[in-house]
Protein backbone atom coordinates (compact mmCIF):
# COMPACT_ATOMS: atom_id res chain seq x y z
CA MET A 1 0.00 0.00 0.00
CA SER A 2 3.04 2.27 0.18
CA GLN A 3 3.11 5.03 -2.44
CA SER A 4 6.09 7.11 -3.49
CA PRO A 5 5.96 10.86 -2.76
CA PHE A 6 6.00 11.58 -6.52
CA LEU A 7 3.01 9.34 -7.26
CA HIS A 8 1.19 10.68 -4.22
CA GLU A 9 1.69 14.28 -5.37
CA LEU A 10 0.75 13.39 -8.96
CA ARG A 11 -2.49 11.78 -7.78
CA LEU A 12 -3.37 14.92 -5.83
CA LEU A 13 -2.53 17.20 -8.78
CA LEU A 14 -4.69 15.14 -11.15
CA GLY A 15 -7.52 15.00 -8.63
CA ILE A 16 -7.71 11.19 -8.65
CA GLU A 17 -9.92 10.34 -5.69
CA ARG A 18 -10.44 6.91 -4.20
CA ASN A 19 -13.87 5.56 -5.17
CA THR A 20 -15.78 4.04 -2.24
CA THR A 21 -18.71 2.58 -4.19
CA ARG A 22 -18.96 -1.19 -4.50
CA HIS A 23 -18.80 -3.06 -7.81
CA GLY A 24 -22.52 -3.81 -7.79
CA GLU A 25 -23.34 -0.11 -7.57
CA LYS A 26 -21.05 0.67 -10.50
CA TRP A 27 -22.75 -1.95 -12.66
CA ILE A 28 -26.19 -0.69 -11.68
CA SER A 29 -25.17 2.82 -12.74
CA GLY A 30 -23.87 1.62 -16.10
CA VAL A 31 -26.94 -0.48 -16.86
CA GLY A 32 -29.22 2.36 -15.79
CA ALA A 33 -27.46 4.84 -18.09
CA ALA A 34 -27.78 2.45 -21.04
CA ILE A 35 -31.49 1.87 -20.36
CA GLY A 36 -32.01 5.61 -19.90
CA ILE A 37 -30.59 6.46 -23.33
CA LEU A 38 -32.62 3.67 -24.95
CA ALA A 39 -35.72 5.08 -23.29
CA VAL A 40 -34.99 8.57 -24.58
CA TRP A 41 -34.63 7.32 -28.15
CA TRP A 42 -37.68 5.05 -28.03
CA LEU A 43 -40.02 7.49 -26.26
CA THR A 44 -39.03 10.34 -28.56
CA ARG A 45 -39.72 8.28 -31.70
CA TRP A 46 -42.95 6.94 -30.21
CA SER A 47 -44.24 10.40 -29.28
CA LEU A 48 -43.35 12.02 -32.60
CA GLY A 49 -43.75 9.24 -35.12
CA ASP A 50 -41.12 8.00 -37.54
CA ALA A 51 -41.53 10.83 -40.03
CA ALA A 52 -42.30 13.68 -37.65
CA THR A 53 -38.77 15.03 -37.52
CA PRO A 54 -35.34 14.29 -39.05
CA ALA A 55 -33.60 11.33 -37.43
CA GLY A 56 -30.61 13.51 -36.65
CA VAL A 57 -32.59 15.63 -34.16
CA LEU A 58 -34.44 12.90 -32.29
CA MET A 59 -31.91 13.03 -29.46
CA ILE A 60 -29.28 15.57 -28.45
CA SER A 61 -25.83 14.35 -27.42
CA SER A 62 -26.00 16.13 -24.05
CA MET A 63 -28.46 13.43 -22.92
CA GLY A 64 -25.43 11.16 -22.57
CA ALA A 65 -23.96 13.50 -19.97
CA SER A 66 -27.31 13.76 -18.20
CA ALA A 67 -27.47 9.96 -18.06
CA VAL A 68 -24.14 9.91 -16.18
CA LEU A 69 -25.52 12.25 -13.52
CA LEU A 70 -28.98 10.69 -13.19
CA PHE A 71 -27.81 7.09 -12.96
CA ALA A 72 -24.31 7.37 -11.45
CA VAL A 73 -24.98 10.31 -9.08
CA PRO A 74 -28.78 10.23 -8.52
CA HIS A 75 -28.61 12.10 -5.20
CA GLY A 76 -26.28 14.84 -6.39
CA ALA A 77 -27.35 18.49 -6.46
CA LEU A 78 -26.63 18.67 -10.21
CA SER A 79 -28.86 15.66 -10.87
CA GLN A 80 -32.15 16.82 -9.35
CA PRO A 81 -35.22 17.42 -11.55
CA TRP A 82 -35.13 21.22 -11.55
CA ALA A 83 -31.44 21.18 -12.45
CA VAL A 84 -32.13 18.82 -15.37
CA ILE A 85 -35.25 20.56 -16.67
CA GLY A 86 -34.15 24.13 -16.12
CA GLY A 87 -30.55 23.51 -17.12
CA HIS A 88 -31.48 22.05 -20.51
CA LEU A 89 -34.39 24.33 -21.39
CA VAL A 90 -32.76 27.60 -20.31
CA SER A 91 -29.57 26.68 -22.12
CA ALA A 92 -31.48 25.64 -25.22
CA ALA A 93 -33.34 28.98 -25.32
CA ILE A 94 -30.09 30.91 -24.97
CA GLY A 95 -28.38 28.82 -27.65
CA VAL A 96 -31.20 29.32 -30.15
CA THR A 97 -31.33 33.05 -29.44
CA CYS A 98 -27.59 33.49 -29.97
CA GLN A 99 -27.72 31.53 -33.22
CA ARG A 100 -30.65 33.54 -34.58
CA LEU A 101 -29.18 36.93 -33.63
CA LEU A 102 -25.52 36.23 -34.40
CA PRO A 103 -25.35 33.42 -36.97
CA GLY A 104 -22.07 32.38 -38.50
CA HIS A 105 -19.71 34.07 -36.04
CA ALA A 106 -16.83 32.11 -34.53
CA TRP A 107 -17.62 33.39 -31.03
CA THR A 108 -21.39 32.72 -31.11
CA ALA A 109 -20.98 29.24 -29.63
CA ALA A 110 -18.71 30.54 -26.85
CA LEU A 111 -21.19 33.32 -26.03
CA ALA A 112 -24.08 30.85 -25.88
CA VAL A 113 -22.29 28.54 -23.45
CA GLY A 114 -21.07 31.40 -21.27
CA LEU A 115 -24.53 32.96 -21.01
CA ALA A 116 -26.06 29.54 -20.31
CA VAL A 117 -23.69 28.97 -17.39
CA GLY A 118 -24.51 32.37 -15.92
CA ALA A 119 -28.25 31.85 -16.33
CA MET A 120 -28.13 28.41 -14.71
CA TYR A 121 -26.29 29.91 -11.76
CA TYR A 122 -28.87 32.62 -11.18
CA LEU A 123 -31.83 30.30 -11.73
CA ARG A 124 -30.32 27.65 -9.39
CA CYS A 125 -30.46 24.94 -12.03
CA ILE A 126 -26.79 24.21 -12.74
CA HIS A 127 -26.63 21.09 -14.88
CA PRO A 128 -23.32 20.65 -16.79
CA PRO A 129 -24.95 18.98 -19.84
CA GLY A 130 -26.91 22.22 -20.31
CA GLY A 131 -23.75 23.77 -21.71
CA ALA A 132 -23.70 21.10 -24.42
CA THR A 133 -27.38 21.75 -25.16
CA ALA A 134 -26.64 25.45 -25.74
CA LEU A 135 -23.64 24.53 -27.89
CA THR A 136 -25.68 22.11 -30.00
CA ALA A 137 -28.19 24.87 -30.82
CA VAL A 138 -25.33 26.82 -32.41
CA ILE A 139 -23.18 24.15 -34.07
CA GLY A 140 -25.80 21.44 -34.60
CA GLY A 141 -26.12 22.09 -38.34
CA PRO A 142 -28.99 22.95 -40.71
CA ASP A 143 -31.50 20.47 -39.23
CA ILE A 144 -31.13 21.96 -35.75
CA HIS A 145 -31.08 25.56 -37.00
CA ALA A 146 -34.28 24.97 -38.99
CA LEU A 147 -36.14 24.08 -35.81
CA GLY A 148 -35.70 27.55 -34.27
CA TYR A 149 -37.33 27.76 -30.86
CA HIS A 150 -39.14 24.50 -31.62
CA TYR A 151 -35.78 22.99 -30.59
CA LEU A 152 -36.82 23.59 -26.97
CA LEU A 153 -39.78 21.24 -27.42
CA VAL A 154 -38.32 18.71 -29.81
CA PRO A 155 -35.93 17.24 -29.06
CA VAL A 156 -34.94 18.95 -25.78
CA LEU A 157 -38.10 18.81 -23.63
CA VAL A 158 -39.15 15.40 -24.94
CA ASN A 159 -35.65 14.04 -24.26
CA VAL A 160 -35.58 15.56 -20.77
CA LEU A 161 -38.96 14.18 -19.75
CA ALA A 162 -38.05 10.74 -21.09
CA ILE A 163 -34.77 10.47 -19.21
CA LEU A 164 -36.31 11.84 -16.00
CA ALA A 165 -39.13 9.30 -16.18
CA MET A 166 -36.60 6.50 -16.68
CA ALA A 167 -34.45 7.77 -13.80
CA VAL A 168 -37.43 7.74 -11.42
CA ALA A 169 -38.56 4.27 -12.55
CA PHE A 170 -35.12 2.61 -12.64
CA ASN A 171 -33.78 4.01 -9.38
CA ALA A 172 -37.03 3.14 -7.59
CA ALA A 173 -36.03 -0.53 -7.87
CA PHE A 174 -33.18 0.10 -5.41
CA ALA A 175 -34.13 1.47 -1.99
CA TRP A 176 -30.83 3.30 -1.51
CA ARG A 177 -31.06 5.02 -4.94
CA ARG A 178 -34.60 6.46 -4.90
CA TYR A 179 -34.84 9.48 -7.21
CA PRO A 180 -35.37 12.42 -6.74
CA ALA A 181 -33.18 12.68 -3.65
CA HIS A 182 -36.14 13.87 -1.58
CA LEU A 183 -37.79 10.44 -1.93
CA HIS A 184 -34.62 8.81 -0.64
CA ARG A 185 -34.42 11.12 2.39
CA ARG A 186 -38.09 10.62 3.30
CA GLN A 187 -37.65 6.88 3.82
CA GLN A 188 -34.53 7.19 5.98
CA PRO A 189 -35.01 6.65 9.75
CA SER A 190 -33.87 9.40 12.03
CA ARG A 191 -30.19 9.03 12.90
CA ILE A 192 -29.86 12.01 15.18
CA THR A 193 -27.89 11.49 18.41
CA GLN A 194 -28.01 14.09 21.14
CA PRO A 195 -24.78 16.18 21.33
CA ALA A 196 -24.38 15.30 25.02
CA GLN A 197 -23.91 11.66 24.03
CA ARG A 198 -20.93 12.39 21.74
CA GLN A 199 -17.68 10.92 23.06
CA PHE A 200 -15.20 11.06 20.17
CA GLU A 201 -14.19 13.57 17.53
CA LEU A 202 -14.48 12.67 13.84
CA THR A 203 -11.60 11.12 11.93
CA GLN A 204 -10.68 10.53 8.28
CA GLU A 205 -11.56 6.84 8.64
CA ASP A 206 -15.02 7.71 10.00
CA PHE A 207 -15.78 9.77 6.91
CA SER A 208 -14.50 6.96 4.71
CA ALA A 209 -16.73 4.41 6.45
CA ALA A 210 -19.71 6.75 6.16
CA MET A 211 -19.08 7.19 2.43
CA GLU A 212 -19.14 3.43 1.99
CA GLN A 213 -22.38 3.20 3.94
CA LEU A 214 -23.98 5.79 1.64
CA ASN A 215 -22.68 3.64 -1.28
CA SER A 216 -22.86 6.46 -3.80
CA TYR A 217 -20.43 8.77 -5.51
CA VAL A 218 -21.90 11.96 -4.08
CA ASP A 219 -22.10 15.30 -5.85
CA ILE A 220 -23.14 16.45 -2.44
CA THR A 221 -26.17 18.48 -1.37
CA THR A 222 -26.58 20.09 2.04
CA GLU A 223 -28.87 17.25 3.13
CA ASN A 224 -26.44 14.58 1.97
CA LEU A 225 -23.55 16.31 3.71
CA THR A 226 -25.55 16.39 6.95
CA GLU A 227 -26.36 12.69 6.59
CA LEU A 228 -22.73 11.88 5.85
CA LEU A 229 -21.58 13.84 8.90
CA GLU A 230 -24.08 12.04 11.13
CA LEU A 231 -23.00 8.62 9.85
CA ALA A 232 -19.36 9.53 10.46
CA LYS A 233 -20.15 10.64 14.02
CA GLN A 234 -21.91 7.38 14.75
CA HIS A 235 -18.97 5.44 13.36
CA ALA A 236 -16.59 7.39 15.61
CA GLU A 237 -18.63 6.53 18.71
CA ARG A 238 -18.25 2.81 18.10
CA ASN A 239 -14.47 2.84 18.34
CA ILE A 240 -11.97 3.16 21.21
CA THR A 241 -8.95 5.41 20.67
CA HIS A 242 -5.23 4.58 21.08
CA PRO A 243 -4.16 0.95 20.67
CA ASP A 244 -3.03 -0.98 23.77
CA ALA A 245 -0.07 -2.50 21.91
CA ILE A 246 2.11 -1.26 19.07
CA VAL A 247 2.94 -4.22 16.81
CA PRO A 248 5.60 -4.18 14.04
CA GLY A 249 4.27 -4.55 10.51
CA ARG A 250 0.85 -3.14 11.33
CA TYR A 251 -0.63 0.19 10.24
CA TYR A 252 -1.70 3.04 12.52
CA SER A 253 -3.60 6.28 11.86
CA ASN A 254 -3.40 9.57 13.73
CA GLY A 255 -7.16 10.02 13.27
CA LYS A 256 -6.90 13.53 11.86
CA LEU A 257 -8.92 15.03 9.02
CA GLY A 258 -7.87 16.43 5.66
CA ARG A 259 -4.22 17.37 5.14
CA LEU A 260 -3.24 16.44 8.70
CA TRP A 261 -4.36 12.81 8.30
CA SER A 262 -1.55 10.26 8.13
CA VAL A 263 -1.08 6.49 8.22
CA ARG A 264 2.20 4.92 9.38
CA GLN A 265 3.40 1.34 9.12
CA LEU A 266 5.60 0.26 12.01
CA GLN A 267 8.82 -1.34 10.82
CA ALA A 268 10.31 -4.57 12.16
CA GLY A 269 11.15 -4.54 15.85
CA VAL A 270 9.80 -5.52 19.26
CA ALA A 271 6.15 -4.95 20.09
CA HIS A 272 5.54 -2.28 22.70
CA VAL A 273 2.97 -3.13 25.38
CA PRO A 274 2.39 -0.44 28.05
CA GLY A 275 3.36 -1.49 31.58
CA THR A 276 5.48 -4.48 30.53
CA GLY A 277 8.76 -2.69 29.86
CA ALA A 278 8.97 -4.43 26.48
CA GLY A 279 9.90 -2.64 23.30
CA THR A 280 11.72 0.37 24.80
CA ALA A 281 14.01 0.97 21.79
CA PRO A 282 13.08 3.76 19.33
CA LEU A 283 10.50 2.63 16.79
CA ARG A 284 11.00 3.14 13.06
CA TYR A 285 8.04 3.70 10.80
CA HIS A 286 7.16 4.45 7.18
CA VAL A 287 4.37 6.87 6.20
CA VAL A 288 2.16 5.02 3.70
CA ALA A 289 -0.74 7.46 3.25
CA GLY A 290 -1.73 11.04 3.92
CA ASP A 291 0.60 13.75 5.22
CA GLN A 292 4.30 13.08 4.41
CA ALA A 293 3.45 9.89 2.47
CA GLY A 294 6.58 8.03 1.37
CA GLN A 295 8.78 9.35 4.18
CA SER A 296 10.27 7.40 7.09
CA GLY A 297 11.09 8.35 10.66
CA SER A 298 11.51 7.14 14.22
CA SER A 299 10.10 7.94 17.64
CA GLY A 300 9.88 6.60 21.15
CA ALA A 301 7.28 3.93 21.84
CA ASP A 302 5.19 6.14 24.12
CA GLU A 303 5.36 9.01 21.64
CA PHE A 304 4.29 6.74 18.79
CA ARG A 305 1.41 5.32 20.81
CA GLN A 306 0.14 8.81 21.67
CA TRP A 307 0.36 9.74 17.99
CA ALA A 308 -1.48 6.56 16.93
CA ARG A 309 -5.20 7.05 17.40
CA PHE A 310 -6.01 3.50 16.32
CA GLU A 311 -4.88 0.63 14.13
CA VAL A 312 -6.09 0.54 10.52
CA VAL A 313 -6.04 -2.00 7.71
CA PRO A 314 -5.85 -1.34 3.94
CA GLN A 315 -8.66 -2.29 1.57
CA ASP A 316 -8.43 -3.35 -2.08
CA ASN A 317 -10.09 -0.11 -3.20
CA GLY A 318 -7.42 2.03 -1.53
CA ARG A 319 -9.45 2.92 1.56
CA TRP A 320 -8.26 2.55 5.14
CA VAL A 321 -10.62 1.21 7.79
CA LYS A 322 -10.29 0.76 11.54
CA ALA A 323 -9.07 -2.67 12.56
CA ASP A 324 -11.57 -4.84 14.42
C-alpha cells in the first residue's frame, strides 16, 4: 500500500480520488445509463412518429452526460429534476437566441455557453450537460437551426422528460437510490444522536466508512452532507482510541482530518505493550498514506502510541478502515 511521494503528489494534482462505491453499484449505474438512453430514443420516436422530424434531431448528445448524472450520481445536487429541466431548457433557449441573432460568427458558440452557465447559476439549475445543449443549438447544423425555438420542445423537452421518467422508474427498484433525492431522504429513519452523548471527535476513517455506507459517488447536497456527517459521528462513537499494543508490521492512523491525516506502518522490531517494559528501543516507521506519504522516521514507543489514534487496515479499493 506504500506510495512514493512523486506518485502521491501526482495523484493529488490530477484529482484522482479513491472511489468508495462497490462493484454492484457501479454496474447498476452503467446499466441504468444504457437503459435511460434507450428510453430517450424510443419514447421520442414513439411520441413524434417515424416521419415527424429528421432522425438527426431525435436526441441531443447532451443526454449522454445527463445519463451519467442521473444514474451514477442520482442524489447529487446537479442531478435533481429542476437542475435537469431548467438547465437544458434555459440553455437551449439561450443557444437558439444566440444563433438567430448572431449566426455564422466564430464566437457565437462561446457566447451561448457562457450565457447559459450564468443563467443556470442565477436560476439555481446548474446542470453541466446544459452547456452542451446550448452549444448544440449553435453548431448542430442545418437540421437543428431549422427548428428555431421548436428545438426547446423537440428534441430537448421530450428528451428531458423521457430520461427523468426513466431515472425515477429505474432508481425506484433500489431502496438506496430512490430518485429524486427527496424520496430517498423521506424513507430514511432518524439518525440524530443528542450532542451530550458524543464521546469522540471525527476522523478521516469515519468519513471513509460513512461514504461506503452511503454507497454512492456523491455530488453532495446540504442534506447529503448532513447525513454523511451524522454517519461519520456514529462510526466514531463505536471505536476506542489509542491501541493498547504497538505491533511491528501493522498500520496506525493519527485520526486527523484532511491534510493532517496520516497512516504509518511500524517497521520490524519488538512490540511495545504499556506497563510491561517491552519494546523500549526507538520505533522506526514508514508513512504510507496522507501527510508526508513516502517518508520514514523514528520515535519513542510512548510518543508513537500517543500519535497513533487507532490501528487501521488497507482495503483493495485504496481505503483505510479501523481494525476490528
